[in-house]
Amino acid sequence: MLGTRTIERRKHAKHRHRTDSVYKIDAEGTRIIDGTPTSAAHWLDGVANATVNDGRITVRNASGSSNNKICFIDISLVTP
């Protein structure tokens, strides 16, 4: 358990061959990714800070997403 901590999350969404997705990914109630891949840009990524109070990081599909994919998530502790 993390306890109460402020963290930075970097998420990368991608599918190698498909561009028929609408990526909308929230973590701790904060929108991290919001976009649509194209044939020229299969990757979408986002960075945000949030406070984790319960020791668990909650990642969810946001409303309006379609065919979401998460490639990986980087999590770093933000020092005050």
N, C-alpha and C. Protein backbone atom coordinates (compact mmCIF):
# COMPACT_ATOMS: atom_id res chain seq x y z
N MET A 1 0.83 -1.18 0.00
CA MET A 1 0.00 0.00 0.00
C MET A 1 0.88 1.25 0.00
N LEU A 2 0.50 2.21 -0.79
CA LEU A 2 1.27 3.44 -0.91
C LEU A 2 0.96 4.46 0.19
N GLY A 3 -0.22 4.42 0.78
CA GLY A 3 -0.65 5.50 1.66
C GLY A 3 -1.01 6.70 0.80
N THR A 4 -1.00 7.88 1.40
CA THR A 4 -1.31 9.09 0.63
C THR A 4 -0.04 9.59 -0.02
N ARG A 5 -0.02 9.60 -1.35
CA ARG A 5 1.15 10.02 -2.11
C ARG A 5 0.69 10.76 -3.36
N THR A 6 1.50 11.69 -3.80
CA THR A 6 1.27 12.32 -5.10
C THR A 6 2.19 11.63 -6.09
N ILE A 7 1.60 11.17 -7.17
CA ILE A 7 2.36 10.42 -8.16
C ILE A 7 2.22 11.07 -9.53
N GLU A 8 3.17 10.76 -10.40
CA GLU A 8 3.07 11.13 -11.81
C GLU A 8 2.83 9.85 -12.57
N ARG A 9 1.84 9.87 -13.47
CA ARG A 9 1.57 8.70 -14.29
C ARG A 9 1.74 9.07 -15.74
N ARG A 10 2.45 8.24 -16.45
CA ARG A 10 2.58 8.38 -17.90
C ARG A 10 2.00 7.12 -18.51
N LYS A 11 1.03 7.30 -19.38
CA LYS A 11 0.39 6.16 -20.02
C LYS A 11 0.62 6.25 -21.52
N HIS A 12 0.77 5.09 -22.12
CA HIS A 12 0.93 5.00 -23.57
C HIS A 12 -0.15 4.06 -24.09
N ALA A 13 -0.90 4.52 -25.06
CA ALA A 13 -1.93 3.71 -25.68
C ALA A 13 -1.56 3.47 -27.13
N LYS A 14 -1.78 2.26 -27.59
CA LYS A 14 -1.37 1.95 -28.96
C LYS A 14 -1.90 0.59 -29.37
N HIS A 15 -2.12 0.46 -30.65
CA HIS A 15 -2.27 -0.85 -31.28
C HIS A 15 -1.45 -0.79 -32.54
N ARG A 16 -0.65 -1.80 -32.77
CA ARG A 16 0.33 -1.78 -33.85
C ARG A 16 -0.28 -1.57 -35.24
N HIS A 17 -1.43 -2.19 -35.51
CA HIS A 17 -1.98 -2.15 -36.87
C HIS A 17 -3.34 -1.47 -36.98
N ARG A 18 -4.00 -1.21 -35.88
CA ARG A 18 -5.37 -0.71 -35.96
C ARG A 18 -5.44 0.76 -35.56
N THR A 19 -6.31 1.49 -36.27
CA THR A 19 -6.53 2.90 -35.94
C THR A 19 -8.02 3.17 -35.75
N ASP A 20 -8.80 2.14 -35.43
CA ASP A 20 -10.25 2.31 -35.28
C ASP A 20 -10.66 2.52 -33.83
N SER A 21 -9.76 3.02 -33.01
CA SER A 21 -10.03 3.19 -31.59
C SER A 21 -10.26 4.65 -31.24
N VAL A 22 -10.91 4.87 -30.12
CA VAL A 22 -11.00 6.18 -29.48
C VAL A 22 -10.47 5.98 -28.08
N TYR A 23 -9.25 6.47 -27.83
CA TYR A 23 -8.60 6.26 -26.55
C TYR A 23 -9.01 7.34 -25.57
N LYS A 24 -9.63 6.93 -24.48
CA LYS A 24 -9.97 7.82 -23.37
C LYS A 24 -9.71 7.02 -22.11
N ILE A 25 -8.65 7.39 -21.40
CA ILE A 25 -8.24 6.63 -20.23
C ILE A 25 -8.09 7.58 -19.06
N ASP A 26 -8.74 7.24 -17.94
CA ASP A 26 -8.67 8.02 -16.70
C ASP A 26 -7.91 7.24 -15.65
N ALA A 27 -7.19 7.95 -14.80
CA ALA A 27 -6.55 7.35 -13.63
C ALA A 27 -6.80 8.28 -12.45
N GLU A 28 -7.31 7.72 -11.37
CA GLU A 28 -7.66 8.50 -10.18
C GLU A 28 -8.58 9.67 -10.54
N GLY A 29 -9.47 9.44 -11.52
CA GLY A 29 -10.43 10.47 -11.90
C GLY A 29 -9.87 11.57 -12.79
N THR A 30 -8.64 11.43 -13.23
CA THR A 30 -8.00 12.43 -14.09
C THR A 30 -7.81 11.85 -15.48
N ARG A 31 -8.23 12.58 -16.51
CA ARG A 31 -8.05 12.13 -17.89
C ARG A 31 -6.58 12.17 -18.23
N ILE A 32 -6.04 11.02 -18.65
CA ILE A 32 -4.64 10.91 -19.00
C ILE A 32 -4.46 10.88 -20.51
N ILE A 33 -5.34 10.13 -21.19
CA ILE A 33 -5.27 10.02 -22.65
C ILE A 33 -6.66 10.31 -23.20
N ASP A 34 -6.70 11.10 -24.28
CA ASP A 34 -7.95 11.43 -24.94
C ASP A 34 -7.63 11.72 -26.40
N GLY A 35 -7.82 10.73 -27.27
CA GLY A 35 -7.50 10.96 -28.67
C GLY A 35 -7.77 9.74 -29.52
N THR A 36 -7.53 9.91 -30.80
CA THR A 36 -7.74 8.85 -31.78
C THR A 36 -6.45 8.62 -32.56
N PRO A 37 -5.99 7.38 -32.66
CA PRO A 37 -4.78 7.12 -33.43
C PRO A 37 -5.02 7.32 -34.92
N THR A 38 -3.95 7.59 -35.65
CA THR A 38 -4.02 7.74 -37.10
C THR A 38 -3.00 6.79 -37.72
N SER A 39 -3.03 6.67 -39.02
CA SER A 39 -2.05 5.80 -39.68
C SER A 39 -0.63 6.34 -39.51
N ALA A 40 -0.49 7.63 -39.31
CA ALA A 40 0.83 8.23 -39.11
C ALA A 40 1.25 8.24 -37.64
N ALA A 41 0.29 8.17 -36.74
CA ALA A 41 0.59 8.24 -35.30
C ALA A 41 -0.24 7.20 -34.55
N HIS A 42 0.31 6.01 -34.41
CA HIS A 42 -0.40 4.93 -33.71
C HIS A 42 -0.36 5.11 -32.21
N TRP A 43 0.65 5.84 -31.70
CA TRP A 43 0.84 6.01 -30.26
C TRP A 43 0.15 7.27 -29.77
N LEU A 44 -0.46 7.20 -28.61
CA LEU A 44 -0.93 8.37 -27.88
C LEU A 44 -0.37 8.22 -26.48
N ASP A 45 0.05 9.32 -25.88
CA ASP A 45 0.52 9.23 -24.51
C ASP A 45 0.10 10.48 -23.75
N GLY A 46 0.09 10.37 -22.45
CA GLY A 46 -0.29 11.49 -21.60
C GLY A 46 0.40 11.38 -20.26
N VAL A 47 0.53 12.53 -19.59
CA VAL A 47 1.16 12.60 -18.27
C VAL A 47 0.27 13.45 -17.38
N ALA A 48 0.08 13.02 -16.14
CA ALA A 48 -0.70 13.80 -15.18
C ALA A 48 -0.27 13.44 -13.78
N ASN A 49 -0.48 14.36 -12.85
CA ASN A 49 -0.23 14.10 -11.44
C ASN A 49 -1.56 13.89 -10.74
N ALA A 50 -1.56 13.06 -9.72
CA ALA A 50 -2.76 12.82 -8.92
C ALA A 50 -2.34 12.37 -7.53
N THR A 51 -3.23 12.57 -6.59
CA THR A 51 -2.99 12.10 -5.23
C THR A 51 -3.70 10.78 -5.02
N VAL A 52 -2.95 9.81 -4.56
CA VAL A 52 -3.50 8.49 -4.25
C VAL A 52 -3.72 8.44 -2.74
N ASN A 53 -4.97 8.29 -2.31
CA ASN A 53 -5.29 8.30 -0.89
C ASN A 53 -5.48 6.91 -0.30
N ASP A 54 -5.84 5.94 -1.13
CA ASP A 54 -6.19 4.62 -0.60
C ASP A 54 -5.11 3.57 -0.87
N GLY A 55 -3.97 3.99 -1.42
CA GLY A 55 -2.90 3.05 -1.67
C GLY A 55 -3.03 2.28 -2.97
N ARG A 56 -4.08 2.53 -3.74
CA ARG A 56 -4.30 1.84 -5.02
C ARG A 56 -4.54 2.85 -6.12
N ILE A 57 -3.93 2.63 -7.26
CA ILE A 57 -4.12 3.49 -8.42
C ILE A 57 -5.23 2.90 -9.27
N THR A 58 -6.28 3.67 -9.47
CA THR A 58 -7.43 3.21 -10.23
C THR A 58 -7.34 3.73 -11.67
N VAL A 59 -7.34 2.81 -12.64
CA VAL A 59 -7.29 3.14 -14.07
C VAL A 59 -8.58 2.64 -14.68
N ARG A 60 -9.26 3.53 -15.44
CA ARG A 60 -10.57 3.17 -16.02
C ARG A 60 -10.69 3.64 -17.46
N ASN A 61 -11.51 2.90 -18.22
CA ASN A 61 -11.96 3.39 -19.51
C ASN A 61 -12.88 4.57 -19.25
N ALA A 62 -12.65 5.68 -19.94
CA ALA A 62 -13.51 6.85 -19.77
C ALA A 62 -14.71 6.75 -20.70
N SER A 63 -15.74 7.46 -20.37
CA SER A 63 -16.94 7.50 -21.19
C SER A 63 -16.59 7.97 -22.60
N GLY A 64 -17.11 7.29 -23.60
CA GLY A 64 -16.86 7.63 -25.00
C GLY A 64 -15.68 6.91 -25.61
N SER A 65 -14.99 6.10 -24.81
CA SER A 65 -13.85 5.35 -25.35
C SER A 65 -14.35 4.15 -26.15
N SER A 66 -13.49 3.71 -27.07
CA SER A 66 -13.83 2.55 -27.88
C SER A 66 -12.55 1.80 -28.22
N ASN A 67 -12.50 0.52 -27.87
CA ASN A 67 -11.36 -0.31 -28.22
C ASN A 67 -10.06 0.20 -27.58
N ASN A 68 -10.16 0.66 -26.32
CA ASN A 68 -8.99 1.17 -25.59
C ASN A 68 -7.89 0.12 -25.50
N LYS A 69 -6.66 0.56 -25.58
CA LYS A 69 -5.50 -0.30 -25.40
C LYS A 69 -4.50 0.45 -24.53
N ILE A 70 -3.91 -0.22 -23.55
CA ILE A 70 -2.81 0.35 -22.77
C ILE A 70 -1.58 -0.49 -23.05
N CYS A 71 -0.54 0.16 -23.52
CA CYS A 71 0.71 -0.53 -23.79
C CYS A 71 1.50 -0.67 -22.49
N PHE A 72 1.68 0.43 -21.77
CA PHE A 72 2.33 0.39 -20.46
C PHE A 72 2.03 1.64 -19.68
N ILE A 73 2.30 1.60 -18.39
CA ILE A 73 2.08 2.73 -17.48
C ILE A 73 3.35 2.92 -16.67
N ASP A 74 3.91 4.12 -16.69
CA ASP A 74 5.03 4.50 -15.83
C ASP A 74 4.46 5.25 -14.64
N ILE A 75 4.91 4.91 -13.44
CA ILE A 75 4.45 5.59 -12.24
C ILE A 75 5.68 6.06 -11.47
N SER A 76 5.69 7.34 -11.10
CA SER A 76 6.80 7.91 -10.35
C SER A 76 6.26 8.68 -9.17
N LEU A 77 6.93 8.60 -8.04
CA LEU A 77 6.59 9.39 -6.88
C LEU A 77 7.04 10.82 -7.11
N VAL A 78 6.15 11.77 -6.87
CA VAL A 78 6.49 13.19 -7.00
C VAL A 78 6.91 13.69 -5.64
N THR A 79 8.13 14.17 -5.53
CA THR A 79 8.60 14.67 -4.25
C THR A 79 8.18 16.12 -4.06
N PRO A 80 7.76 16.46 -2.87
CA PRO A 80 7.29 17.85 -2.62
C PRO A 80 8.40 18.88 -2.74
